[in-house]
Amino acid sequence: MQTHTVQKGGTMWKIARMYGITLDQLIAENPQIPDPNRITVGMKVYLPTSLFTIHTVKAGERYKVDRLRSCKLYRPR
């Protein structure tokens, strides 16, 4: 499960916009947050797993990373 760590000034609405999802989708993914209007710095907000896909980059293949979203690149062992 992927998470977003709330930063200063962060709101559920801003987080939803950052990831291109609706506020309702974000709220539904986070039933542990009793009041979505009151999130605090450092809080972990769960993101819908449908936002993420895994692609294995093959030799000679090029890829582009979207700078607006954080991503982790894994190197197979």
N, C-alpha and C. Protein backbone atom coordinates (compact mmCIF):
# COMPACT_ATOMS: atom_id res chain seq x y z
N MET A 1 0.84 -1.17 0.00
CA MET A 1 0.00 0.00 0.00
C MET A 1 0.89 1.24 0.00
N GLN A 2 0.57 2.19 -0.84
CA GLN A 2 1.33 3.44 -0.93
C GLN A 2 0.71 4.49 -0.01
N THR A 3 1.56 5.34 0.53
CA THR A 3 1.07 6.40 1.41
C THR A 3 1.65 7.74 0.98
N HIS A 4 1.00 8.78 1.45
CA HIS A 4 1.48 10.15 1.29
C HIS A 4 1.62 10.70 2.71
N THR A 5 2.75 11.33 3.00
CA THR A 5 2.96 11.94 4.31
C THR A 5 2.54 13.40 4.23
N VAL A 6 1.63 13.79 5.10
CA VAL A 6 1.09 15.15 5.10
C VAL A 6 2.19 16.16 5.45
N GLN A 7 2.30 17.18 4.62
CA GLN A 7 3.25 18.27 4.82
C GLN A 7 2.51 19.49 5.37
N LYS A 8 3.26 20.49 5.82
CA LYS A 8 2.66 21.72 6.32
C LYS A 8 1.75 22.32 5.24
N GLY A 9 0.54 22.67 5.61
CA GLY A 9 -0.42 23.26 4.67
C GLY A 9 -1.19 22.23 3.86
N GLY A 10 -0.90 20.95 4.10
CA GLY A 10 -1.56 19.89 3.35
C GLY A 10 -3.01 19.70 3.77
N THR A 11 -3.85 19.43 2.80
CA THR A 11 -5.25 19.11 3.05
C THR A 11 -5.59 17.87 2.22
N MET A 12 -6.66 17.22 2.58
CA MET A 12 -7.09 16.05 1.81
C MET A 12 -7.39 16.47 0.37
N TRP A 13 -7.99 17.64 0.19
CA TRP A 13 -8.32 18.12 -1.14
C TRP A 13 -7.05 18.32 -1.97
N LYS A 14 -6.01 18.93 -1.38
CA LYS A 14 -4.75 19.15 -2.10
C LYS A 14 -4.07 17.84 -2.45
N ILE A 15 -4.12 16.89 -1.52
CA ILE A 15 -3.51 15.59 -1.77
C ILE A 15 -4.24 14.88 -2.91
N ALA A 16 -5.57 14.91 -2.88
CA ALA A 16 -6.35 14.28 -3.95
C ALA A 16 -6.00 14.89 -5.30
N ARG A 17 -5.91 16.20 -5.36
CA ARG A 17 -5.55 16.87 -6.63
C ARG A 17 -4.15 16.49 -7.08
N MET A 18 -3.22 16.40 -6.14
CA MET A 18 -1.84 16.06 -6.46
C MET A 18 -1.75 14.70 -7.17
N TYR A 19 -2.60 13.76 -6.76
CA TYR A 19 -2.56 12.41 -7.31
C TYR A 19 -3.63 12.17 -8.38
N GLY A 20 -4.39 13.20 -8.73
CA GLY A 20 -5.37 13.07 -9.80
C GLY A 20 -6.55 12.19 -9.47
N ILE A 21 -6.96 12.22 -8.20
CA ILE A 21 -8.13 11.45 -7.78
C ILE A 21 -9.14 12.40 -7.13
N THR A 22 -10.34 11.91 -6.89
CA THR A 22 -11.35 12.76 -6.26
C THR A 22 -11.16 12.74 -4.74
N LEU A 23 -11.67 13.76 -4.12
CA LEU A 23 -11.63 13.83 -2.66
C LEU A 23 -12.39 12.65 -2.06
N ASP A 24 -13.51 12.30 -2.66
CA ASP A 24 -14.29 11.15 -2.16
C ASP A 24 -13.50 9.85 -2.21
N GLN A 25 -12.71 9.66 -3.28
CA GLN A 25 -11.88 8.44 -3.38
C GLN A 25 -10.84 8.42 -2.27
N LEU A 26 -10.21 9.56 -2.01
CA LEU A 26 -9.18 9.63 -0.97
C LEU A 26 -9.79 9.39 0.41
N ILE A 27 -10.92 9.99 0.67
CA ILE A 27 -11.59 9.80 1.97
C ILE A 27 -11.99 8.34 2.14
N ALA A 28 -12.52 7.72 1.09
CA ALA A 28 -12.93 6.31 1.17
C ALA A 28 -11.75 5.39 1.47
N GLU A 29 -10.57 5.75 1.00
CA GLU A 29 -9.37 4.93 1.21
C GLU A 29 -8.81 5.10 2.62
N ASN A 30 -9.32 6.08 3.38
CA ASN A 30 -8.76 6.42 4.69
C ASN A 30 -9.81 6.46 5.79
N PRO A 31 -10.48 5.32 6.05
CA PRO A 31 -11.51 5.31 7.10
C PRO A 31 -10.93 5.55 8.50
N GLN A 32 -9.61 5.41 8.65
CA GLN A 32 -8.97 5.63 9.95
C GLN A 32 -8.90 7.12 10.31
N ILE A 33 -9.19 8.00 9.36
CA ILE A 33 -9.19 9.45 9.62
C ILE A 33 -10.62 9.86 9.93
N PRO A 34 -10.92 10.13 11.21
CA PRO A 34 -12.30 10.42 11.59
C PRO A 34 -12.84 11.73 11.01
N ASP A 35 -11.98 12.73 10.88
CA ASP A 35 -12.41 14.02 10.33
C ASP A 35 -11.43 14.44 9.25
N PRO A 36 -11.77 14.25 7.96
CA PRO A 36 -10.86 14.59 6.87
C PRO A 36 -10.48 16.07 6.82
N ASN A 37 -11.22 16.90 7.54
CA ASN A 37 -10.89 18.33 7.59
C ASN A 37 -9.80 18.63 8.61
N ARG A 38 -9.42 17.63 9.39
CA ARG A 38 -8.41 17.83 10.43
C ARG A 38 -7.31 16.78 10.31
N ILE A 39 -6.42 17.01 9.36
CA ILE A 39 -5.25 16.15 9.25
C ILE A 39 -4.04 16.94 9.72
N THR A 40 -3.04 16.23 10.21
CA THR A 40 -1.88 16.91 10.80
C THR A 40 -0.60 16.54 10.07
N VAL A 41 0.38 17.43 10.20
CA VAL A 41 1.69 17.21 9.59
C VAL A 41 2.26 15.88 10.07
N GLY A 42 2.78 15.09 9.14
CA GLY A 42 3.36 13.80 9.47
C GLY A 42 2.40 12.63 9.38
N MET A 43 1.11 12.92 9.31
CA MET A 43 0.11 11.86 9.21
C MET A 43 0.28 11.12 7.88
N LYS A 44 0.09 9.81 7.89
CA LYS A 44 0.15 8.99 6.68
C LYS A 44 -1.26 8.86 6.10
N VAL A 45 -1.39 9.22 4.83
CA VAL A 45 -2.67 9.11 4.13
C VAL A 45 -2.50 8.02 3.08
N TYR A 46 -3.38 7.03 3.11
CA TYR A 46 -3.31 5.93 2.15
C TYR A 46 -3.82 6.37 0.79
N LEU A 47 -3.16 5.89 -0.26
CA LEU A 47 -3.54 6.21 -1.63
C LEU A 47 -4.12 4.97 -2.29
N PRO A 48 -5.11 5.14 -3.15
CA PRO A 48 -5.69 3.97 -3.84
C PRO A 48 -4.62 3.21 -4.62
N THR A 49 -4.60 1.90 -4.49
CA THR A 49 -3.59 1.10 -5.17
C THR A 49 -3.75 1.15 -6.68
N SER A 50 -4.92 1.52 -7.16
CA SER A 50 -5.14 1.60 -8.61
C SER A 50 -4.32 2.71 -9.26
N LEU A 51 -3.72 3.58 -8.44
CA LEU A 51 -2.89 4.67 -8.98
C LEU A 51 -1.53 4.18 -9.45
N PHE A 52 -1.12 3.01 -8.98
CA PHE A 52 0.25 2.58 -9.21
C PHE A 52 0.31 1.35 -10.09
N THR A 53 1.28 1.37 -10.97
CA THR A 53 1.55 0.20 -11.79
C THR A 53 3.03 -0.10 -11.74
N ILE A 54 3.39 -1.32 -12.01
CA ILE A 54 4.79 -1.71 -12.03
C ILE A 54 5.17 -2.03 -13.47
N HIS A 55 6.25 -1.46 -13.91
CA HIS A 55 6.76 -1.73 -15.26
C HIS A 55 8.24 -2.05 -15.14
N THR A 56 8.66 -3.14 -15.73
CA THR A 56 10.07 -3.50 -15.73
C THR A 56 10.71 -2.92 -16.98
N VAL A 57 11.69 -2.05 -16.77
CA VAL A 57 12.38 -1.41 -17.89
C VAL A 57 13.37 -2.41 -18.47
N LYS A 58 13.27 -2.62 -19.77
CA LYS A 58 14.14 -3.56 -20.46
C LYS A 58 15.34 -2.83 -21.05
N ALA A 59 16.40 -3.56 -21.34
CA ALA A 59 17.61 -2.98 -21.92
C ALA A 59 17.25 -2.20 -23.18
N GLY A 60 17.76 -0.98 -23.28
CA GLY A 60 17.53 -0.14 -24.44
C GLY A 60 16.24 0.65 -24.38
N GLU A 61 15.41 0.39 -23.41
CA GLU A 61 14.13 1.09 -23.28
C GLU A 61 14.33 2.40 -22.53
N ARG A 62 13.63 3.43 -22.94
CA ARG A 62 13.72 4.73 -22.26
C ARG A 62 12.44 4.92 -21.45
N TYR A 63 12.56 5.70 -20.41
CA TYR A 63 11.40 5.99 -19.60
C TYR A 63 11.46 7.43 -19.12
N LYS A 64 10.30 7.97 -18.78
CA LYS A 64 10.18 9.34 -18.29
C LYS A 64 9.46 9.29 -16.96
N VAL A 65 9.96 10.01 -15.99
CA VAL A 65 9.35 10.05 -14.67
C VAL A 65 8.56 11.35 -14.54
N ASP A 66 7.33 11.24 -14.10
CA ASP A 66 6.49 12.39 -13.86
C ASP A 66 6.99 13.09 -12.60
N ARG A 67 7.46 14.32 -12.73
CA ARG A 67 8.06 15.03 -11.60
C ARG A 67 7.04 15.44 -10.55
N LEU A 68 5.76 15.43 -10.88
CA LEU A 68 4.74 15.83 -9.91
C LEU A 68 4.41 14.72 -8.92
N ARG A 69 4.76 13.51 -9.25
CA ARG A 69 4.46 12.38 -8.38
C ARG A 69 5.76 11.72 -7.97
N SER A 70 5.83 11.32 -6.75
CA SER A 70 7.04 10.61 -6.32
C SER A 70 6.96 9.18 -6.82
N CYS A 71 8.07 8.64 -7.15
CA CYS A 71 8.08 7.24 -7.57
C CYS A 71 9.36 6.60 -7.09
N LYS A 72 9.32 5.31 -6.96
CA LYS A 72 10.49 4.56 -6.53
C LYS A 72 10.89 3.65 -7.68
N LEU A 73 12.15 3.64 -8.00
CA LEU A 73 12.64 2.76 -9.03
C LEU A 73 13.35 1.60 -8.35
N TYR A 74 13.00 0.39 -8.72
CA TYR A 74 13.60 -0.79 -8.13
C TYR A 74 14.48 -1.48 -9.16
N ARG A 75 15.65 -1.85 -8.76
CA ARG A 75 16.56 -2.58 -9.63
C ARG A 75 16.49 -4.05 -9.24
N PRO A 76 16.12 -4.92 -10.21
CA PRO A 76 16.05 -6.35 -9.88
C PRO A 76 17.41 -6.90 -9.49
N ARG A 77 17.41 -7.85 -8.60
CA ARG A 77 18.68 -8.46 -8.15
C ARG A 77 18.99 -9.68 -8.94
